[in-house]
Amino acid sequence: MLKDNVIRMEHGAGGEPMQALIRDLILNNITFRSAGLVGLDALDDGATISISGIIENNNINDNTTGNNPGEIVVTTDSHVIKPAFFPDSNIGRLAVSGTVNDLAVMGAAPLALTCAMIVPEGFELESFEKIIRSMNQAAEEVGVPIIAGDTKTVERNGLDSIIINTTGIGVANEVIRDCGLCAGDKVILTGTMGDHGISLLAHREGFELGTNLVSDVAPLWNMIKSVVKIRTLEGKTAISSMKDPTRGGVAGALNEIAQKSGTGIVIEQKDLPIKESVSSACEMLGIDPLEVANEGKAIIGVKAEHAEEVLAILREHEYGKDAAIIGEATDENTGKVLMRTTIGSMRYVDTPTGDLIPRIC
């Protein structure tokens, strides 16, 4: 995966080449990788800083009433999209939403964001202001402040569009991991898949593929915070795992969950929520919708006895109205994802290997 000794586009596409780059070149060269329950080597959607560790290491009095004061959750992401504006949205809304969602799928309430922008010379001020306003609207939606930032400019021949990095800080009383799926758990997708990637591809290439092809980019915390409160009889959260299916799509996220959890996952093709326009576009372009990036969806593993309750809560929210139970975890074919097709046959759903649609998140 690291042949040629150079970075290739597929190293940023969310599939096996990117995983190999992270595993072989990044993790192997960073020694100090953890400050809490979840560290860099977990390769989750974020990492955590133990509040109890902060209290102990800094001789701070612990005034919390419980035994677990919680974990600070930190995530960071850089956003490189071509073009920066796409139907119904832009890179600003995506940058905030993506970072909020990385916190949300770990069960963390967002506390604050930081933002750094690299802008090419000649970028229009009107476009720049629109991006800032979109960031603010997304942040206001979930009540998270943008508390620090940085702006740099580069020569016009050094960069063809704006790049935004956002870092998010949140707090979770009970961190949800993407490695927690257990056999028997149900798997929920919170809405239609492939909307972002296909709408951006159609817009960028000028394809006339339908009038309702728009990105799904959205901050999900207001929806997700309702379901993480659901408890089992033992008092633990009913949510066993979560992940947002961005680069690599649903296929990439499900494979990562299965591999980390040591379970198999079987999904039902007939239950996969997808817009007809997206399905038609994928069929015409020869693209598997399971591999297309999403920016406003989450995959949720939930204890079977609470699956319908979680589904009902999700469907009450604007961003979850198309949520569906798409499959379940099994103790067979561990680390693998299989799909039962509409004709009853079974096929493997593999981790994507290429750069399916470049520069969409």
Foldseek 3Di string as FASTA:
>chain_A
DCPPVDDDQFLPQLFDNVVCCCVPPPVVPDDDFAQDDATPVLVALWHWHQPVSVCVVVVNDDPDPDPGPFIKTKHKDKAFFVPQDFPPDGVLLLQQQQQLQSQVQFVWQWAEKEKEKEAEPPPDPVVVVVSVVSNVVQCVVSVYYHDYYYYHYDYCVVDPGMMMMMMIITTHSHTATLQQADFQWFKKKLAAFQLQQLRSVCRNVVNPQDDPRDALAHRCNVLSNVQQCDADPVGHGQWRGKDAQFRQAQLSSQLSSQQSNQWEKEFEPVFHHHDPSSVVSCVVVVHDRRRHGHNLMMMITGRPVCVVVSLVSSCVDPSRVRMTGTTGIRNPPGSWYWYQYPVGDIDTRHRDRGNPRGRRD
